[in-house]
Each structure stands twice: as structure tokens, then as C-alpha cells.
Amino acid sequence: MTLKRIGAGARMSKGVIHNGTVYLSGLVGDNTAGQPVSVQTQEVLDQIDGFLAEAGTDKSKIIRAFVWLTDMDTWGEMNEVWDAWVKPGETPTRAAIHSPALALPGLYVEIMVEAAI
């Protein structure tokens, strides 16, 4: 079994490639903490684009996505950014989950994806 790790750190990797699939960790807007969900969502989606490119794939190959929001009232705000990012007809399966808190204060959205290579 061959694994390729992307952004491997002491605690976790940003992504792992195995058997034609890349699994990305939950990503947050570290640089936009405390800013609106729309701004944080855009930062996260930009990160996803970068890590998918590093893995040799792109957002059109995302199989599924998980979105955590600290406030479900911001679901529409997050979706505006998401909808502008995904290409119609190439949308993944997706779940949105309420999480009262994320890893650090000021983080309001976290997204994790899995994509084919």
C-alpha cells in the first residue's frame, strides 16, 4: 500500500493520496479568522484548490464534501460562495453539520473533501 502525504506535520497531514483518491483534512480560514463566513469560506475553497492541484486533480473530481458551521444561520452565506465556486453538473455529495465551536475562536466554517485523482 502506497500513501503520499501532502503537507505532513507532526499532528496531521493536509491531505493523503491513496488508491486514486485524495483525502483532505478539514480546512479552516486561519488567515481570515473573525471575518464573515463568506470570507472564511473563500479562503478555505482557495486552499482546497491548491491542495487538489498539488495532488494532481481539481474541484471537478470532488466526490464528497463535509461542511461544519458554528451557526447554521450562516448556511446561506456559505452557500453563496460555494455555489460560485462549484461548476454546475460537477457538484459533489455534501453534508452540512452544525458544530457549536471549531478548533479556535473566530473560526466559523470548516470544509473537508475527498476527490478522485
N, C-alpha and C. Protein backbone atom coordinates (compact mmCIF):
# COMPACT_ATOMS: atom_id res chain seq x y z
N MET A 1 0.85 -1.17 0.00
CA MET A 1 0.00 0.00 0.00
C MET A 1 0.89 1.24 0.00
N THR A 2 0.70 2.10 -0.99
CA THR A 2 1.48 3.31 -1.10
C THR A 2 0.61 4.51 -0.74
N LEU A 3 1.12 5.34 0.16
CA LEU A 3 0.46 6.57 0.54
C LEU A 3 1.38 7.73 0.21
N LYS A 4 0.80 8.82 -0.28
CA LYS A 4 1.55 10.05 -0.47
C LYS A 4 0.89 11.09 0.41
N ARG A 5 1.69 11.73 1.24
CA ARG A 5 1.16 12.74 2.16
C ARG A 5 1.45 14.15 1.63
N ILE A 6 0.48 15.02 1.80
CA ILE A 6 0.60 16.42 1.39
C ILE A 6 0.59 17.26 2.65
N GLY A 7 1.58 18.12 2.79
CA GLY A 7 1.62 19.00 3.96
C GLY A 7 1.68 18.23 5.27
N ALA A 8 2.51 17.20 5.31
CA ALA A 8 2.61 16.38 6.52
C ALA A 8 3.21 17.19 7.67
N GLY A 9 2.57 17.13 8.81
CA GLY A 9 3.05 17.81 10.01
C GLY A 9 3.18 16.82 11.14
N ALA A 10 3.53 17.31 12.30
CA ALA A 10 3.71 16.46 13.47
C ALA A 10 2.40 15.81 13.91
N ARG A 11 1.29 16.52 13.76
CA ARG A 11 0.00 16.02 14.23
C ARG A 11 -0.85 15.42 13.11
N MET A 12 -0.79 16.03 11.93
CA MET A 12 -1.64 15.58 10.83
C MET A 12 -1.08 16.05 9.50
N SER A 13 -1.60 15.48 8.44
CA SER A 13 -1.28 15.90 7.08
C SER A 13 -2.45 16.70 6.54
N LYS A 14 -2.18 17.62 5.63
CA LYS A 14 -3.26 18.37 4.99
C LYS A 14 -4.04 17.47 4.04
N GLY A 15 -3.35 16.45 3.50
CA GLY A 15 -4.01 15.51 2.62
C GLY A 15 -3.23 14.22 2.53
N VAL A 16 -3.93 13.17 2.14
CA VAL A 16 -3.31 11.87 1.91
C VAL A 16 -3.88 11.31 0.62
N ILE A 17 -2.98 10.84 -0.25
CA ILE A 17 -3.39 10.22 -1.50
C ILE A 17 -3.23 8.71 -1.34
N HIS A 18 -4.30 8.00 -1.68
CA HIS A 18 -4.27 6.54 -1.62
C HIS A 18 -5.22 5.97 -2.66
N ASN A 19 -4.71 5.05 -3.45
CA ASN A 19 -5.54 4.28 -4.36
C ASN A 19 -6.41 5.18 -5.26
N GLY A 20 -5.82 6.23 -5.82
CA GLY A 20 -6.53 7.09 -6.76
C GLY A 20 -7.47 8.11 -6.16
N THR A 21 -7.39 8.28 -4.84
CA THR A 21 -8.24 9.25 -4.16
C THR A 21 -7.38 10.12 -3.25
N VAL A 22 -7.70 11.40 -3.19
CA VAL A 22 -7.05 12.29 -2.23
C VAL A 22 -8.08 12.65 -1.16
N TYR A 23 -7.64 12.52 0.08
CA TYR A 23 -8.47 12.83 1.23
C TYR A 23 -7.87 14.06 1.90
N LEU A 24 -8.59 15.17 1.89
CA LEU A 24 -8.09 16.38 2.54
C LEU A 24 -8.63 16.47 3.96
N SER A 25 -7.79 17.00 4.85
CA SER A 25 -8.22 17.26 6.21
C SER A 25 -9.25 18.39 6.20
N GLY A 26 -9.94 18.55 7.32
CA GLY A 26 -10.81 19.70 7.46
C GLY A 26 -9.97 20.96 7.40
N LEU A 27 -10.34 21.89 6.53
CA LEU A 27 -9.57 23.12 6.34
C LEU A 27 -10.38 24.30 6.86
N VAL A 28 -9.69 25.24 7.48
CA VAL A 28 -10.30 26.44 8.05
C VAL A 28 -9.59 27.68 7.53
N GLY A 29 -10.22 28.82 7.70
CA GLY A 29 -9.65 30.08 7.26
C GLY A 29 -8.76 30.71 8.32
N ASP A 30 -7.60 30.15 8.52
CA ASP A 30 -6.67 30.67 9.53
C ASP A 30 -6.36 32.15 9.34
N ASN A 31 -6.22 32.58 8.09
CA ASN A 31 -5.86 33.97 7.81
C ASN A 31 -7.04 34.93 7.89
N THR A 32 -8.25 34.36 7.96
CA THR A 32 -9.45 35.21 7.97
C THR A 32 -10.30 34.97 9.23
N ALA A 33 -9.70 34.38 10.25
CA ALA A 33 -10.44 34.13 11.50
C ALA A 33 -11.06 35.43 11.99
N GLY A 34 -12.31 35.33 12.44
CA GLY A 34 -13.03 36.50 12.94
C GLY A 34 -13.77 37.27 11.86
N GLN A 35 -13.45 37.01 10.60
CA GLN A 35 -14.14 37.67 9.50
C GLN A 35 -15.41 36.89 9.15
N PRO A 36 -16.28 37.46 8.33
CA PRO A 36 -17.54 36.78 8.00
C PRO A 36 -17.34 35.40 7.37
N VAL A 37 -18.36 34.58 7.48
CA VAL A 37 -18.33 33.22 6.95
C VAL A 37 -18.01 33.23 5.45
N SER A 38 -18.53 34.19 4.72
CA SER A 38 -18.25 34.25 3.28
C SER A 38 -16.76 34.40 3.01
N VAL A 39 -16.09 35.23 3.76
CA VAL A 39 -14.65 35.45 3.59
C VAL A 39 -13.87 34.19 3.98
N GLN A 40 -14.24 33.58 5.10
CA GLN A 40 -13.58 32.35 5.54
C GLN A 40 -13.81 31.22 4.53
N THR A 41 -15.03 31.13 4.01
CA THR A 41 -15.34 30.08 3.04
C THR A 41 -14.47 30.24 1.81
N GLN A 42 -14.30 31.46 1.32
CA GLN A 42 -13.47 31.68 0.14
C GLN A 42 -12.03 31.26 0.40
N GLU A 43 -11.51 31.59 1.58
CA GLU A 43 -10.14 31.17 1.90
C GLU A 43 -10.02 29.65 1.90
N VAL A 44 -10.99 28.98 2.50
CA VAL A 44 -10.96 27.52 2.56
C VAL A 44 -11.03 26.93 1.15
N LEU A 45 -11.91 27.44 0.31
CA LEU A 45 -12.03 26.92 -1.06
C LEU A 45 -10.76 27.16 -1.86
N ASP A 46 -10.10 28.28 -1.63
CA ASP A 46 -8.81 28.54 -2.28
C ASP A 46 -7.77 27.51 -1.83
N GLN A 47 -7.77 27.18 -0.54
CA GLN A 47 -6.86 26.15 -0.04
C GLN A 47 -7.16 24.81 -0.69
N ILE A 48 -8.43 24.47 -0.77
CA ILE A 48 -8.82 23.21 -1.39
C ILE A 48 -8.31 23.16 -2.83
N ASP A 49 -8.51 24.23 -3.58
CA ASP A 49 -8.00 24.28 -4.96
C ASP A 49 -6.50 24.00 -4.99
N GLY A 50 -5.75 24.61 -4.09
CA GLY A 50 -4.30 24.44 -4.05
C GLY A 50 -3.88 23.02 -3.71
N PHE A 51 -4.50 22.44 -2.69
CA PHE A 51 -4.14 21.07 -2.30
C PHE A 51 -4.57 20.05 -3.36
N LEU A 52 -5.71 20.27 -3.98
CA LEU A 52 -6.13 19.37 -5.06
C LEU A 52 -5.16 19.45 -6.23
N ALA A 53 -4.72 20.65 -6.58
CA ALA A 53 -3.75 20.81 -7.66
C ALA A 53 -2.45 20.08 -7.31
N GLU A 54 -2.01 20.21 -6.07
CA GLU A 54 -0.80 19.52 -5.63
C GLU A 54 -0.95 18.00 -5.75
N ALA A 55 -2.17 17.52 -5.58
CA ALA A 55 -2.44 16.09 -5.68
C ALA A 55 -2.65 15.64 -7.13
N GLY A 56 -2.71 16.60 -8.05
CA GLY A 56 -2.90 16.27 -9.46
C GLY A 56 -4.35 16.14 -9.89
N THR A 57 -5.22 16.87 -9.21
CA THR A 57 -6.64 16.82 -9.54
C THR A 57 -7.24 18.21 -9.37
N ASP A 58 -8.57 18.32 -9.42
CA ASP A 58 -9.22 19.62 -9.26
C ASP A 58 -10.63 19.42 -8.71
N LYS A 59 -11.31 20.53 -8.48
CA LYS A 59 -12.62 20.50 -7.82
C LYS A 59 -13.68 19.74 -8.62
N SER A 60 -13.48 19.57 -9.92
CA SER A 60 -14.45 18.82 -10.71
C SER A 60 -14.44 17.33 -10.37
N LYS A 61 -13.43 16.89 -9.65
CA LYS A 61 -13.30 15.48 -9.27
C LYS A 61 -13.65 15.23 -7.81
N ILE A 62 -14.17 16.26 -7.11
CA ILE A 62 -14.54 16.04 -5.70
C ILE A 62 -15.71 15.06 -5.64
N ILE A 63 -15.54 14.05 -4.80
CA ILE A 63 -16.56 13.02 -4.63
C ILE A 63 -17.56 13.44 -3.55
N ARG A 64 -17.02 13.88 -2.42
CA ARG A 64 -17.90 14.32 -1.34
C ARG A 64 -17.23 15.39 -0.50
N ALA A 65 -18.08 16.17 0.13
CA ALA A 65 -17.61 17.27 0.97
C ALA A 65 -18.42 17.30 2.26
N PHE A 66 -17.74 17.70 3.32
CA PHE A 66 -18.36 17.91 4.62
C PHE A 66 -18.10 19.35 5.02
N VAL A 67 -19.15 20.06 5.43
CA VAL A 67 -19.03 21.46 5.83
C VAL A 67 -19.53 21.57 7.27
N TRP A 68 -18.69 22.12 8.13
CA TRP A 68 -19.09 22.39 9.51
C TRP A 68 -19.27 23.89 9.66
N LEU A 69 -20.39 24.29 10.26
CA LEU A 69 -20.67 25.69 10.53
C LEU A 69 -20.98 25.86 12.01
N THR A 70 -20.43 26.92 12.60
CA THR A 70 -20.72 27.18 14.01
C THR A 70 -22.10 27.78 14.19
N ASP A 71 -22.67 28.33 13.12
CA ASP A 71 -24.00 28.94 13.19
C ASP A 71 -24.74 28.60 11.90
N MET A 72 -25.77 27.76 11.97
CA MET A 72 -26.49 27.35 10.77
C MET A 72 -27.22 28.52 10.11
N ASP A 73 -27.36 29.64 10.80
CA ASP A 73 -27.94 30.82 10.17
C ASP A 73 -27.02 31.41 9.10
N THR A 74 -25.75 30.97 9.05
CA THR A 74 -24.80 31.43 8.04
C THR A 74 -24.72 30.47 6.85
N TRP A 75 -25.57 29.46 6.85
CA TRP A 75 -25.58 28.45 5.79
C TRP A 75 -25.75 29.10 4.41
N GLY A 76 -26.69 30.03 4.29
CA GLY A 76 -26.91 30.72 3.02
C GLY A 76 -25.71 31.52 2.57
N GLU A 77 -25.06 32.19 3.51
CA GLU A 77 -23.86 32.98 3.21
C GLU A 77 -22.74 32.08 2.69
N MET A 78 -22.55 30.94 3.34
CA MET A 78 -21.54 29.99 2.89
C MET A 78 -21.91 29.45 1.51
N ASN A 79 -23.19 29.14 1.30
CA ASN A 79 -23.63 28.59 0.02
C ASN A 79 -23.45 29.55 -1.14
N GLU A 80 -23.56 30.85 -0.91
CA GLU A 80 -23.33 31.81 -1.99
C GLU A 80 -21.92 31.67 -2.54
N VAL A 81 -20.95 31.53 -1.65
CA VAL A 81 -19.55 31.39 -2.07
C VAL A 81 -19.34 30.01 -2.70
N TRP A 82 -19.88 28.98 -2.06
CA TRP A 82 -19.76 27.61 -2.56
C TRP A 82 -20.35 27.51 -3.98
N ASP A 83 -21.57 28.05 -4.16
CA ASP A 83 -22.25 27.94 -5.45
C ASP A 83 -21.48 28.65 -6.56
N ALA A 84 -20.80 29.74 -6.25
CA ALA A 84 -19.99 30.45 -7.24
C ALA A 84 -18.72 29.67 -7.57
N TRP A 85 -18.30 28.80 -6.66
CA TRP A 85 -17.05 28.04 -6.80
C TRP A 85 -17.25 26.74 -7.57
N VAL A 86 -18.30 25.98 -7.27
CA VAL A 86 -18.51 24.70 -7.94
C VAL A 86 -19.05 24.93 -9.35
N LYS A 87 -18.72 24.01 -10.23
CA LYS A 87 -19.20 24.09 -11.60
C LYS A 87 -20.50 23.29 -11.69
N PRO A 88 -21.55 23.89 -12.21
CA PRO A 88 -22.82 23.16 -12.35
C PRO A 88 -22.60 21.84 -13.10
N GLY A 89 -23.22 20.80 -12.60
CA GLY A 89 -23.08 19.48 -13.21
C GLY A 89 -21.89 18.69 -12.69
N GLU A 90 -21.01 19.34 -11.92
CA GLU A 90 -19.84 18.66 -11.35
C GLU A 90 -19.82 18.81 -9.83
N THR A 91 -21.02 18.85 -9.25
CA THR A 91 -21.13 19.04 -7.81
C THR A 91 -20.97 17.71 -7.07
N PRO A 92 -20.30 17.75 -5.92
CA PRO A 92 -20.12 16.52 -5.14
C PRO A 92 -21.31 16.25 -4.23
N THR A 93 -21.31 15.10 -3.60
CA THR A 93 -22.24 14.91 -2.49
C THR A 93 -21.74 15.81 -1.38
N ARG A 94 -22.64 16.23 -0.50
CA ARG A 94 -22.21 17.17 0.54
C ARG A 94 -23.12 17.08 1.75
N ALA A 95 -22.53 17.28 2.91
CA ALA A 95 -23.29 17.37 4.16
C ALA A 95 -22.87 18.64 4.87
N ALA A 96 -23.83 19.31 5.48
CA ALA A 96 -23.54 20.48 6.31
C ALA A 96 -23.91 20.11 7.74
N ILE A 97 -22.98 20.34 8.63
CA ILE A 97 -23.12 19.92 10.02
C ILE A 97 -22.96 21.12 10.94
N HIS A 98 -23.83 21.23 11.93
CA HIS A 98 -23.69 22.28 12.94
C HIS A 98 -22.68 21.84 13.98
N SER A 99 -21.70 22.70 14.22
CA SER A 99 -20.70 22.46 15.25
C SER A 99 -20.61 23.73 16.09
N PRO A 100 -21.04 23.69 17.33
CA PRO A 100 -21.07 24.91 18.14
C PRO A 100 -19.73 25.63 18.23
N ALA A 101 -18.64 24.89 18.07
CA ALA A 101 -17.31 25.51 18.11
C ALA A 101 -16.37 24.72 17.22
N LEU A 102 -15.40 25.42 16.64
CA LEU A 102 -14.34 24.78 15.88
C LEU A 102 -13.06 24.88 16.71
N ALA A 103 -11.93 24.52 16.13
CA ALA A 103 -10.68 24.39 16.88
C ALA A 103 -10.24 25.67 17.60
N LEU A 104 -10.47 26.82 16.97
CA LEU A 104 -10.03 28.09 17.55
C LEU A 104 -11.15 29.12 17.51
N PRO A 105 -11.19 30.04 18.46
CA PRO A 105 -12.19 31.11 18.41
C PRO A 105 -12.06 31.91 17.12
N GLY A 106 -13.18 32.35 16.58
CA GLY A 106 -13.16 33.16 15.37
C GLY A 106 -13.24 32.35 14.09
N LEU A 107 -13.18 31.02 14.20
CA LEU A 107 -13.36 30.17 13.03
C LEU A 107 -14.82 29.75 12.98
N TYR A 108 -15.45 29.98 11.82
CA TYR A 108 -16.88 29.74 11.72
C TYR A 108 -17.25 28.66 10.70
N VAL A 109 -16.30 28.27 9.86
CA VAL A 109 -16.57 27.26 8.83
C VAL A 109 -15.33 26.37 8.66
N GLU A 110 -15.57 25.09 8.48
CA GLU A 110 -14.52 24.11 8.19
C GLU A 110 -15.05 23.21 7.09
N ILE A 111 -14.19 22.91 6.11
CA ILE A 111 -14.61 22.07 4.99
C ILE A 111 -13.57 20.97 4.77
N MET A 112 -14.07 19.76 4.55
CA MET A 112 -13.23 18.61 4.27
C MET A 112 -13.74 17.96 2.99
N VAL A 113 -12.84 17.59 2.08
CA VAL A 113 -13.27 16.96 0.83
C VAL A 113 -12.44 15.72 0.54
N GLU A 114 -13.03 14.88 -0.32
CA GLU A 114 -12.36 13.72 -0.89
C GLU A 114 -12.55 13.81 -2.40
N ALA A 115 -11.48 13.56 -3.17
CA ALA A 115 -11.57 13.71 -4.60
C ALA A 115 -10.82 12.60 -5.32
N ALA A 116 -11.30 12.25 -6.50
CA ALA A 116 -10.60 11.30 -7.36
C ALA A 116 -9.40 12.00 -7.99
N ILE A 117 -8.38 11.22 -8.27
CA ILE A 117 -7.18 11.76 -8.93
C ILE A 117 -7.36 11.61 -10.43
